[in-house]
């Protein structure tokens, strides 16, 4: 599932499960580390896996590439991706290829930690424009999005029927969502459950016609009447008791609340599919597009990209491996195994046909909004998420005013 964590940089650290001295593993020159060539290269890959299915899929795909090319690939599993990457970069011992979350991408790109290889991908335009934008820095496509995820409204079909609701009652507007959440709230079941993060509550801002920044992320637009209306609607649901945060129903995330019957509806992404299959295989659910707000339909898009370390001595091999991992065949295989959608537009139709249960998520791909990717913005968003914890009793205008002020400082500093 989609998680965020704070980067902790230390002066000397190593990757998990790797023992190495606190020194550079490269012969440096002004042009960077000397590149290896030929076969029998050994590449290290670091991933933040969502579970056994994803781990198996990545290992299978990298193993197939290694067998074909004669190279060797070691896949390592991160317990805290952001922290371990920061430590690896600080110790000059980064993995050759690794997941980069869109929230952290700009920090790494600005810091010069990433090797920009987008110009080496002939069919780069086949990847979702919104996701390419998320992983572009200083006018260059730095890394390829490995998959795609959007948010949808997920309902527990048993609780839906128990409440006397049918397919005709699926909410398509805010007003209908409010009434439905109220009707489904009964006893130990809350009508709608999500998390107190802008990565979920931000959908209401977008549906009201607002967002945190302008389209090119050069100017803050947080302190607006549209955003206040979006958070105001969320606050209204929270105050009525028909919507709660996952921790308020004693669960770690909304998927757990759905699986344990503590939520009749949740707002979550398509990583939910793999989690439900693994943890709650007997719970039936249906995925719907998120209801439209005053300014229409909107959802949020998420992805990791396949980053390549600038300090790696295996650029050519790493990029070739990533071309394999992001090929049409491998993306569809990963989708089958994990539940995420492809990041290539050309195979989205195939995915939708093979996974009709994901229709609600697929629909949102055409009107989704990627997370903010401004360098140094992590602390701003962490504070925003902390403020959203008190949304039920707080003031949307005050929360947005703080976000606006903090964001302006971050953008100014990053220029």
Foldseek 3Di string as FASTA:
>chain_A
DDDDDDADADQADAAPPDDDDLAAPFDADPVAGAADDDAAAEFEEEEADPDDLLVVLVVVLLVVVCVVRRYHYDYDYDPHVRHNQNNCVSSNHHTFKYWAWLQCQLQCVVVQFFAACCVVDPPLVLFQPQVQLSQDDPNGSRFAFLFKKWKFKKFQVVLCVVLVHDPVLDAQELVSLLVQLVSSDDDLAAAEEFALACLFLVQLLVLLPHHQAPPNRLAGPLLDPSNLRSLVSVLVCVLVRNYDYQVVSPHDGVLVCQLVRNYRIYIDMQLSVQVCVVPRVPTDMATAAHHHYPNGGEIAMITITITGTSNDSHVPVSVVSSCSCLPPVNQLVSCVRRVTHHRGNVCLVVSCVVCVRCVNGSVNSVHYHYDDNQHPCSVLSVQLSVVSVCSNPDRSNVSSVSSNVVSVVSSVVRD
